[in-house]
């Protein structure tokens, strides 16, 4: 053996020594996790679409009431006091991978969010932000908090903007110290009343062109009988296009020329018109009022509405699933859905972000916040074309210099990471860090392009949900 090694090239000699070390270490691979060989892992078709990252250690510890997007960041507000082990109260930023606090915290719960001109407007029950008195409504520019005058004297439930004017609605009786009830406008310097206002609490605001749509627990607006929903055109109050409802309007959403309303009512567009009976969600297209589906549970209560293309998503106190989609003809669930009420829905791309009082979604832990990836609904889950088991393959070539390929297969969709570590356990490269569909994949690891690594033993670790597997590889320069 001594003679043989003498005639080997330095590179081959190095490889021989490394492989000899590995044989003594006896660490070919490590894996653990659930047994995913059964195709009935998901109890309901569609559960595979729910993101699996928001376990208790990576999620708010209390209710989420509002969600808003600013660029690639997601802002989440509610009644929570922690996210995982971080002391993040009432309002947080999610960048797609991690949670962050804002610069200075609020002292009370958040109920509504609005993004305008790269600034975040926040409404709720709080009275201070970063030590500044703000009284239930405040503005955050990414660094500093500022008050909108002296604010309002009661909870803010909804915020909207038309031009540079900010509108807030809620349970207050004064704004800026003046007798302005339930709804008010901030023009950048002062609070203003909207005529003679509405005669009850405001729960929802939305903008249709230059009109402000207002929903809530009121029967009149500017003295006109409106039945829980009204329109402010900048100078006067009017009906929103139909008579209204016989109950509370808690959600309004505008998609093009269509207005969607939801809440706790049993009749829409009633007297003097025939009206639509037992429909908790209705659409007004400017000329015609229609109900979305029939046979609603009398206890159903719609809290939030959003649209993605022609599909309508509603959340609230719904049975079962607390979250549903209307495709223009029928209602369907999003897998088995959240296990408790949904308070907020926001759509970004093909993903649906939801917040509420739930602790699971799609049968997976999802504490108060969740993401449903609609793109996965087109995947065939009959087991004929998808992998039946997890498999992380040995990289090829191995040993390698400067590049090697790593391939794997996953029978389920989920958040996927593929990372490389040195023998001391230090992370040296992240090759994959994103949500991926069930299927087979391959990536290239090229140390000559972006990584500066020395010859030696390295390990690559795949994690998909709770499944984890690690294999070794050799870099021989």
Protein backbone atom coordinates (compact mmCIF):
# COMPACT_ATOMS: atom_id res chain seq x y z
CA UNK A 1 0.00 0.00 0.00
CA UNK A 2 2.82 2.37 0.78
CA UNK A 3 4.29 1.92 -2.67
CA UNK A 4 0.91 2.42 -4.34
CA UNK A 5 0.24 5.71 -2.64
CA UNK A 6 3.68 6.98 -3.63
CA UNK A 7 2.67 6.88 -7.32
CA UNK A 8 -0.77 8.49 -6.91
CA UNK A 9 -1.30 12.12 -7.97
CA UNK A 10 -1.80 14.61 -5.08
CA UNK A 11 -5.51 15.04 -5.98
CA UNK A 12 -6.21 11.28 -6.01
CA UNK A 13 -4.25 10.90 -2.81
CA UNK A 14 -6.40 13.57 -1.15
CA UNK A 15 -9.60 11.84 -2.28
CA UNK A 16 -8.31 8.54 -0.91
CA UNK A 17 -7.60 10.09 2.50
CA UNK A 18 -11.01 11.81 2.63
CA UNK A 19 -12.86 8.59 1.80
CA UNK A 20 -10.83 6.75 4.42
CA UNK A 21 -11.85 9.35 7.02
CA UNK A 22 -15.49 8.99 6.05
CA UNK A 23 -15.35 5.25 6.51
CA UNK A 24 -14.22 5.77 10.09
CA UNK A 25 -16.80 8.51 10.73
CA UNK A 26 -19.60 6.26 9.41
CA UNK A 27 -21.92 9.20 8.75
CA UNK A 28 -23.36 8.41 5.34
CA UNK A 29 -26.71 10.06 5.96
CA UNK A 30 -29.20 11.11 8.62
CA UNK A 31 -32.94 11.30 8.15
CA UNK A 32 -36.02 11.67 10.28
CA UNK A 33 -39.58 12.84 9.97
CA UNK A 34 -42.99 11.42 9.29
CA UNK A 35 -43.74 8.46 7.09
CA UNK A 36 -45.03 10.12 3.92
CA UNK A 37 -45.47 6.94 1.85
CA UNK A 38 -49.25 6.99 2.23
CA UNK A 39 -51.05 9.11 -0.36
CA UNK A 40 -53.78 9.93 2.14
CA UNK A 41 -51.40 12.05 4.21
CA UNK A 42 -53.65 15.04 3.58
CA UNK A 43 -57.08 14.43 4.96
CA UNK A 44 -58.76 16.67 2.38
CA UNK A 45 -57.83 17.48 -1.21
CA UNK A 46 -56.41 21.01 -1.14
CA UNK A 47 -54.76 20.71 2.26
CA UNK A 48 -51.44 20.31 0.47
CA UNK A 49 -51.80 23.94 -0.67
CA UNK A 50 -51.53 25.31 2.87
CA UNK A 51 -48.10 26.57 3.88
CA UNK A 52 -46.58 24.57 6.72
CA UNK A 53 -44.19 27.16 8.18
CA UNK A 54 -46.44 28.86 10.71
CA UNK A 55 -46.04 26.51 13.61
CA UNK A 56 -46.30 27.98 17.10
CA UNK A 57 -42.57 28.77 17.19
CA UNK A 58 -42.86 30.86 14.00
CA UNK A 59 -46.19 32.64 14.29
CA UNK A 60 -48.12 35.20 16.35
CA UNK A 61 -49.43 34.11 19.74
CA UNK A 62 -52.77 35.84 19.32
CA UNK A 63 -55.43 37.02 16.89
CA UNK A 64 -54.52 38.56 13.53
CA UNK A 65 -57.03 41.18 12.38
CA UNK A 66 -55.39 42.90 9.40
CA UNK A 67 -52.89 42.17 6.60
CA UNK A 68 -51.35 44.59 4.08
CA UNK A 69 -48.57 44.44 1.47
CA UNK A 70 -45.79 46.91 0.82
CA UNK A 71 -43.49 45.67 -1.92
CA UNK A 72 -42.32 42.19 -0.93
CA UNK A 73 -43.09 42.76 2.74
CA UNK A 74 -46.27 41.69 4.50
CA UNK A 75 -47.50 43.69 7.48
CA UNK A 76 -49.64 41.84 10.00
CA UNK A 77 -51.61 43.49 12.80
CA UNK A 78 -53.70 42.10 15.61
CA UNK A 79 -53.90 41.35 19.30
CA UNK A 80 -50.69 39.31 19.67
CA UNK A 81 -47.83 40.09 22.06
CA UNK A 82 -45.19 37.70 20.67
CA UNK A 83 -44.17 36.00 17.47
CA UNK A 84 -42.36 32.80 18.29
CA UNK A 85 -39.87 33.79 20.98
CA UNK A 86 -39.65 37.42 19.82
CA UNK A 87 -41.33 40.19 21.78
CA UNK A 88 -43.25 41.67 18.86
CA UNK A 89 -46.49 43.34 19.91
CA UNK A 90 -49.58 44.02 17.82
CA UNK A 91 -47.81 44.75 14.51
CA UNK A 92 -45.10 42.87 12.61
CA UNK A 93 -43.37 42.64 9.25
CA UNK A 94 -42.89 39.33 7.39
CA UNK A 95 -40.32 39.37 4.55
CA UNK A 96 -41.21 35.93 3.23
CA UNK A 97 -38.78 34.14 5.53
CA UNK A 98 -38.59 35.94 8.87
CA UNK A 99 -40.60 38.13 11.23
CA UNK A 100 -39.41 41.57 12.32
CA UNK A 101 -40.70 44.24 14.72
CA UNK A 102 -41.26 47.79 13.56
CA UNK A 103 -39.14 50.64 14.86
CA UNK A 104 -41.08 51.32 18.04
CA UNK A 105 -44.16 49.45 19.20
CA UNK A 106 -47.81 50.18 19.79
CA UNK A 107 -49.52 49.84 23.18
CA UNK A 108 -52.73 48.21 21.94
CA UNK A 109 -54.33 45.97 19.36
CA UNK A 110 -54.42 46.68 15.62
CA UNK A 111 -57.63 46.21 13.65
CA UNK A 112 -56.91 47.83 10.25
CA UNK A 113 -54.02 48.60 7.88
CA UNK A 114 -53.62 50.70 4.75
CA UNK A 115 -50.56 51.17 2.53
CA UNK A 116 -50.34 54.40 0.55
CA UNK A 117 -47.25 55.98 -1.07
CA UNK A 118 -44.91 53.56 0.75
CA UNK A 119 -46.34 54.59 4.10
CA UNK A 120 -48.34 52.41 6.46
CA UNK A 121 -51.50 53.73 8.12
CA UNK A 122 -52.58 51.79 11.19
CA UNK A 123 -55.86 51.81 13.09
CA UNK A 124 -56.99 50.04 16.24
CA UNK A 125 -57.33 50.38 20.00
CA UNK A 126 -53.85 51.77 20.77
CA UNK A 127 -53.12 55.27 22.08
CA UNK A 128 -49.34 55.47 21.60
CA UNK A 129 -46.70 54.39 19.09
CA UNK A 130 -42.99 54.43 19.99
CA UNK A 131 -43.94 56.60 22.97
CA UNK A 132 -45.80 59.18 20.82
CA UNK A 133 -49.49 59.87 21.53
CA UNK A 134 -51.45 58.83 18.44
CA UNK A 135 -54.95 57.91 19.68
CA UNK A 136 -56.05 54.89 17.65
CA UNK A 137 -54.69 55.92 14.25
CA UNK A 138 -51.08 56.50 13.21
CA UNK A 139 -48.71 56.63 10.25
CA UNK A 140 -45.41 54.72 9.89
CA UNK A 141 -42.92 55.73 7.18
CA UNK A 142 -40.57 52.78 7.65
CA UNK A 143 -38.50 54.54 10.31
CA UNK A 144 -40.67 56.92 12.32
CA UNK A 145 -44.21 57.04 13.68
CA UNK A 146 -46.39 60.14 13.47
CA UNK A 147 -49.84 61.09 14.71
CA UNK A 148 -52.79 62.23 12.62
CA UNK A 149 -53.62 65.25 14.72
CA UNK A 150 -55.11 64.23 18.04
CA UNK A 151 -56.69 61.12 16.52
CA UNK A 152 -60.10 59.78 17.56
CA UNK A 153 -61.62 58.79 20.89
CA UNK A 154 -62.66 55.24 20.05
CA UNK A 155 -61.58 52.17 18.14
CA UNK A 156 -60.80 52.47 14.42
CA UNK A 157 -62.13 49.48 12.43
CA UNK A 158 -61.31 50.49 8.86
CA UNK A 159 -59.06 52.84 6.86
CA UNK A 160 -59.26 53.95 3.21
CA UNK A 161 -57.76 56.66 1.03
CA UNK A 162 -59.00 58.80 -1.85
CA UNK A 163 -56.28 60.97 -3.28
CA UNK A 164 -54.32 62.35 -0.33
CA UNK A 165 -57.29 62.17 2.06
CA UNK A 166 -57.39 59.43 4.70
CA UNK A 167 -60.77 58.13 5.88
CA UNK A 168 -61.26 56.19 9.12
CA UNK A 169 -64.37 54.47 10.42
CA UNK A 170 -65.13 52.90 13.76
CA UNK A 171 -66.71 53.25 17.19
CA UNK A 172 -65.66 56.83 18.00
CA UNK A 173 -67.70 59.91 18.90
CA UNK A 174 -65.08 62.56 18.24
CA UNK A 175 -62.15 63.15 15.90
CA UNK A 176 -59.57 65.85 16.47
CA UNK A 177 -61.53 66.88 19.54
CA UNK A 178 -64.61 67.72 17.46
CA UNK A 179 -68.05 66.12 17.50
CA UNK A 180 -67.46 63.78 14.56
CA UNK A 181 -69.08 60.37 14.91
CA UNK A 182 -68.25 56.98 13.40
CA UNK A 183 -66.46 58.22 10.26
CA UNK A 184 -63.99 61.05 9.64
CA UNK A 185 -61.59 62.42 7.03
CA UNK A 186 -57.98 63.48 7.66
CA UNK A 187 -56.85 66.00 5.01
CA UNK A 188 -53.26 66.13 6.19
CA UNK A 189 -53.85 68.92 8.69
CA UNK A 190 -57.34 68.56 10.18
CA UNK A 191 -60.12 66.10 10.87
CA UNK A 192 -63.39 66.72 9.03
CA UNK A 193 -66.91 65.34 9.26
CA UNK A 194 -68.66 63.70 6.31
CA UNK A 195 -71.90 65.67 6.31
CA UNK A 196 -74.22 64.54 9.08
CA UNK A 197 -72.53 61.11 9.10
CA UNK A 198 -74.13 57.73 9.71
CA UNK A 199 -76.16 56.83 12.78
CA UNK A 200 -74.13 53.81 13.93
CA UNK A 201 -70.78 52.10 14.03
CA UNK A 202 -68.68 51.72 10.88
CA UNK A 203 -67.14 48.30 10.19
CA UNK A 204 -65.85 48.53 6.60
CA UNK A 205 -64.57 51.02 4.02
CA UNK A 206 -63.78 50.63 0.31
CA UNK A 207 -63.16 52.93 -2.63
CA UNK A 208 -65.00 52.78 -5.96
CA UNK A 209 -63.64 55.42 -8.31
CA UNK A 210 -63.96 58.68 -6.40
CA UNK A 211 -66.72 57.34 -4.13
CA UNK A 212 -66.24 56.05 -0.61
CA UNK A 213 -68.32 52.99 0.27
CA UNK A 214 -69.13 52.66 3.95
CA UNK A 215 -70.52 49.59 5.71
CA UNK A 216 -71.50 48.97 9.29
CA UNK A 217 -74.19 48.78 11.91
CA UNK A 218 -76.27 51.80 10.90
CA UNK A 219 -79.59 52.42 9.20
CA UNK A 220 -79.19 55.97 7.90
CA UNK A 221 -76.49 58.12 6.31
CA UNK A 222 -77.03 61.86 5.98
CA UNK A 223 -80.62 61.19 7.04
CA UNK A 224 -81.22 58.79 4.12
CA UNK A 225 -82.35 55.22 4.83
CA UNK A 226 -79.50 53.02 3.58
CA UNK A 227 -79.57 49.71 5.50
CA UNK A 228 -75.96 49.24 6.58
CA UNK A 229 -74.19 50.39 3.40
CA UNK A 230 -73.88 53.88 1.95
CA UNK A 231 -71.89 55.95 -0.55
CA UNK A 232 -70.14 59.27 0.11
CA UNK A 233 -69.35 61.12 -3.15
CA UNK A 234 -67.27 63.84 -1.52
CA UNK A 235 -70.16 66.18 -0.80
CA UNK A 236 -73.25 64.11 0.02
CA UNK A 237 -74.53 60.71 1.12
CA UNK A 238 -76.44 58.32 -1.15
CA UNK A 239 -77.40 54.68 -1.32
CA UNK A 240 -74.62 52.58 -2.77
CA UNK A 241 -76.88 51.56 -5.67
CA UNK A 242 -79.42 49.37 -3.89
CA UNK A 243 -81.52 49.64 -0.77
CA UNK A 244 -79.09 47.92 1.56
CA UNK A 245 -79.53 45.08 4.04
CA UNK A 246 -81.51 44.20 7.12
CA UNK A 247 -78.39 43.71 9.24
CA UNK A 248 -74.72 44.56 9.65
CA UNK A 249 -72.35 45.04 6.70
CA UNK A 250 -68.89 44.06 7.95
CA UNK A 251 -67.00 43.61 4.67
CA UNK A 252 -66.89 45.52 1.38
CA UNK A 253 -64.63 44.71 -1.56
CA UNK A 254 -64.43 46.41 -4.96
CA UNK A 255 -63.18 44.59 -8.04
CA UNK A 256 -63.47 46.77 -11.14
CA UNK A 257 -67.11 47.77 -11.47
CA UNK A 258 -68.28 45.06 -9.07
CA UNK A 259 -69.00 45.71 -5.40
CA UNK A 260 -69.12 42.77 -2.99
CA UNK A 261 -70.63 43.06 0.47
CA UNK A 262 -70.82 40.60 3.34
CA UNK A 263 -71.80 40.58 6.97
CA UNK A 264 -74.56 39.45 9.27
CA UNK A 265 -77.83 39.92 7.39
CA UNK A 266 -80.58 37.75 5.94
CA UNK A 267 -81.95 40.10 3.28
CA UNK A 268 -80.19 42.31 0.69
CA UNK A 269 -81.83 44.95 -1.49
CA UNK A 270 -85.18 44.70 0.24
CA UNK A 271 -88.05 47.21 0.37
CA UNK A 272 -89.08 48.75 -1.90
CA UNK A 273 -87.51 45.99 -4.02
CA UNK A 274 -88.16 42.23 -3.57
CA UNK A 275 -84.67 41.67 -2.23
CA UNK A 276 -82.45 38.60 -1.98
CA UNK A 277 -83.23 36.36 0.98
CA UNK A 278 -80.70 34.37 3.00
CA UNK A 279 -77.55 35.45 1.19
CA UNK A 280 -74.61 36.49 3.37
CA UNK A 281 -72.62 37.76 0.37
CA UNK A 282 -73.97 39.86 -2.50
CA UNK A 283 -72.61 41.50 -5.65
CA UNK A 284 -73.70 44.80 -7.17
CA UNK A 285 -72.39 45.36 -10.73
CA UNK A 286 -73.80 48.87 -11.09
CA UNK A 287 -77.16 47.79 -12.45
CA UNK A 288 -77.99 44.41 -10.93
CA UNK A 289 -77.81 42.92 -7.45
CA UNK A 290 -77.18 39.18 -7.10
CA UNK A 291 -76.62 36.87 -4.17
CA UNK A 292 -73.66 34.50 -4.11
CA UNK A 293 -75.12 31.07 -3.47
CA UNK A 294 -78.07 29.98 -1.37
CA UNK A 295 -78.74 27.95 1.74
CA UNK A 296 -76.47 29.93 4.04
CA UNK A 297 -76.30 28.95 7.68
CA UNK A 298 -78.29 31.54 9.61
CA UNK A 299 -75.36 31.95 12.03
CA UNK A 300 -72.83 32.69 9.29
CA UNK A 301 -71.06 36.04 9.58
CA UNK A 302 -68.77 37.37 6.84
CA UNK A 303 -65.82 39.39 8.16
CA UNK A 304 -63.64 39.82 5.07
CA UNK A 305 -63.78 39.55 1.26
CA UNK A 306 -61.06 39.48 -1.41
CA UNK A 307 -60.85 38.58 -5.10
CA UNK A 308 -58.32 36.88 -7.35
CA UNK A 309 -59.35 37.31 -10.97
CA UNK A 310 -62.97 36.20 -11.15
CA UNK A 311 -62.79 34.14 -7.95
CA UNK A 312 -64.20 35.59 -4.74
CA UNK A 313 -62.80 34.57 -1.35
CA UNK A 314 -64.70 35.16 1.87
CA UNK A 315 -63.72 34.55 5.46
CA UNK A 316 -65.43 34.77 8.80
CA UNK A 317 -67.72 32.67 10.89
CA UNK A 318 -68.48 30.07 8.21
CA UNK A 319 -69.23 26.40 8.53
CA UNK A 320 -67.27 24.39 7.70
CA UNK A 321 -63.76 25.73 7.06
CA UNK A 322 -64.23 29.44 7.91
CA UNK A 323 -62.89 30.30 4.44
CA UNK A 324 -64.52 29.71 1.05
CA UNK A 325 -64.18 30.46 -2.68
CA UNK A 326 -66.94 31.47 -5.10
CA UNK A 327 -66.05 30.67 -8.75
CA UNK A 328 -69.09 32.38 -10.22
CA UNK A 329 -71.35 29.36 -9.87
CA UNK A 330 -70.48 27.43 -6.72
CA UNK A 331 -68.85 27.71 -3.34
CA UNK A 332 -65.89 25.46 -2.50
CA UNK A 333 -63.57 25.10 0.47
CA UNK A 334 -59.82 25.63 0.54
CA UNK A 335 -58.94 22.14 1.68
CA UNK A 336 -60.26 21.60 5.18
CA UNK A 337 -59.51 25.28 5.83
CA UNK A 338 -58.68 27.00 9.11
CA UNK A 339 -60.12 25.59 12.32
CA UNK A 340 -61.58 28.88 13.54
CA UNK A 341 -62.66 32.32 12.35
CA UNK A 342 -60.88 34.23 9.59
CA UNK A 343 -60.70 38.00 10.13
CA UNK A 344 -58.54 39.12 7.20
CA UNK A 345 -57.80 38.00 3.63
CA UNK A 346 -55.22 39.55 1.29
CA UNK A 347 -54.26 38.30 -2.16
CA UNK A 348 -50.76 38.59 -3.60
CA UNK A 349 -50.01 36.93 -6.92
CA UNK A 350 -51.40 33.41 -6.67
CA UNK A 351 -51.16 33.28 -2.87
CA UNK A 352 -53.90 33.99 -0.35
CA UNK A 353 -52.79 35.36 3.02
CA UNK A 354 -55.23 34.91 5.89
CA UNK A 355 -55.33 35.99 9.50
CA UNK A 356 -57.73 35.26 12.30
CA UNK A 357 -58.32 33.24 15.43
CA UNK A 358 -57.37 29.82 14.06
CA UNK A 359 -54.50 27.58 15.17
CA UNK A 360 -54.44 25.21 12.21
CA UNK A 361 -55.12 25.35 8.48
CA UNK A 362 -55.40 22.38 6.17
CA UNK A 363 -54.82 20.07 9.11
CA UNK A 364 -51.39 21.64 9.76
CA UNK A 365 -50.36 23.91 12.63
CA UNK A 366 -50.91 27.48 11.45
CA UNK A 367 -51.19 29.86 14.34
CA UNK A 368 -53.36 32.90 13.60
CA UNK A 369 -51.68 33.45 10.22
CA UNK A 370 -51.54 31.30 7.11
CA UNK A 371 -50.85 31.22 3.37
CA UNK A 372 -52.79 29.22 0.80
CA UNK A 373 -50.92 28.63 -2.49
CA UNK A 374 -53.60 28.45 -5.16
CA UNK A 375 -51.09 27.52 -7.87
CA UNK A 376 -51.03 23.98 -6.47
CA UNK A 377 -54.68 23.37 -7.32
CA UNK A 378 -53.64 22.46 -10.87
CA UNK A 379 -51.35 19.66 -9.70
CA UNK A 380 -52.60 16.09 -10.21
CA UNK A 381 -52.65 14.38 -6.82
CA UNK A 382 -53.93 11.01 -7.98
CA UNK A 383 -50.53 9.45 -7.33
CA UNK A 384 -49.86 8.46 -10.96
CA UNK A 385 -47.36 11.18 -11.81
CA UNK A 386 -46.00 12.29 -8.45
CA UNK A 387 -43.34 10.65 -6.29
CA UNK A 388 -44.73 8.30 -3.67
CA UNK A 389 -41.90 8.78 -1.16
CA UNK A 390 -39.24 11.28 -0.19
CA UNK A 391 -35.79 10.66 -1.67
CA UNK A 392 -32.60 12.70 -1.46
CA UNK A 393 -30.09 11.36 -3.97
CA UNK A 394 -26.32 11.24 -3.73
CA UNK A 395 -24.74 14.21 -5.46
CA UNK A 396 -23.05 13.50 -8.79
CA UNK A 397 -20.20 13.60 -9.44
CA UNK A 398 -18.78 12.89 -6.02
CA UNK A 399 -15.98 13.77 -5.30
CA UNK A 400 -16.39 16.96 -7.37
CA UNK A 401 -14.59 20.08 -8.53
CA UNK A 402 -15.87 22.67 -9.10
CA UNK A 403 -19.54 21.68 -9.52
CA UNK A 404 -21.92 18.87 -8.66
CA UNK A 405 -25.64 18.24 -9.00
CA UNK A 406 -28.03 17.42 -6.17
CA UNK A 407 -31.45 15.92 -6.91
CA UNK A 408 -34.40 14.92 -4.77
CA UNK A 409 -38.09 14.08 -4.91
CA UNK A 410 -40.95 14.99 -2.61
CA UNK A 411 -44.45 13.46 -2.54
CA UNK A 412 -45.91 16.59 -0.92
CA UNK A 413 -45.78 20.32 -1.43
CA UNK A 414 -44.20 22.41 1.26
CA UNK A 415 -41.61 24.96 2.21
CA UNK A 416 -38.30 23.52 1.03
CA UNK A 417 -34.72 24.27 2.05
CA UNK A 418 -31.51 22.72 0.73
CA UNK A 419 -28.40 23.87 2.57
CA UNK A 420 -24.72 22.95 2.63
CA UNK A 421 -22.67 22.67 5.84
CA UNK A 422 -19.00 22.08 6.64
CA UNK A 423 -17.77 19.38 9.04
CA UNK A 424 -18.13 21.77 11.97
CA UNK A 425 -21.82 22.30 11.22
CA UNK A 426 -21.40 25.83 9.87
CA UNK A 427 -23.78 26.72 7.05
CA UNK A 428 -21.80 27.62 3.93
CA UNK A 429 -24.47 27.77 1.20
CA UNK A 430 -28.24 27.93 0.74
CA UNK A 431 -29.28 26.36 -2.56
CA UNK A 432 -33.08 26.34 -2.11
CA UNK A 433 -35.24 28.38 0.25
CA UNK A 434 -38.82 28.58 -1.05
CA UNK A 435 -42.20 26.89 -1.27
CA UNK A 436 -42.19 24.10 -3.89
CA UNK A 437 -44.80 21.79 -5.34
CA UNK A 438 -44.62 18.03 -4.94
CA UNK A 439 -42.31 16.61 -7.61
CA UNK A 440 -38.70 15.91 -8.60
CA UNK A 441 -35.96 18.55 -8.62
CA UNK A 442 -32.27 19.07 -9.34
CA UNK A 443 -29.95 21.95 -8.52
CA UNK A 444 -26.30 22.62 -9.26
CA UNK A 445 -23.78 23.45 -6.54
CA UNK A 446 -20.84 25.26 -8.14
CA UNK A 447 -18.10 26.36 -5.75
CA UNK A 448 -16.19 28.00 -8.59
CA UNK A 449 -18.87 30.65 -9.26
CA UNK A 450 -20.25 31.98 -6.01
CA UNK A 451 -18.65 30.07 -3.13
CA UNK A 452 -15.07 30.09 -1.89
CA UNK A 453 -14.55 26.73 -0.22
CA UNK A 454 -11.50 24.61 0.47
CA UNK A 455 -11.17 20.89 -0.22
CA UNK A 456 -12.83 18.68 2.31
CA UNK A 457 -15.98 16.98 3.52
CA UNK A 458 -19.31 18.80 3.31
CA UNK A 459 -22.90 17.85 4.07
CA UNK A 460 -26.08 18.87 2.26
CA UNK A 461 -29.40 18.84 4.11
CA UNK A 462 -32.88 18.78 2.59
CA UNK A 463 -35.92 19.81 4.63
CA UNK A 464 -39.51 19.70 3.37
CA UNK A 465 -41.95 20.35 6.18
CA UNK A 466 -41.07 17.89 8.92
CA UNK A 467 -39.00 15.66 6.66
CA UNK A 468 -35.21 16.11 6.98
CA UNK A 469 -32.40 14.17 5.32
CA UNK A 470 -28.66 14.79 5.15
CA UNK A 471 -25.94 13.34 2.92
CA UNK A 472 -22.20 13.89 2.64
CA UNK A 473 -20.10 14.96 -0.34
CA UNK A 474 -16.43 15.62 -1.06
CA UNK A 475 -14.88 18.68 -2.64
CA UNK A 476 -11.44 17.82 -4.05
CA UNK A 477 -9.60 20.76 -5.58
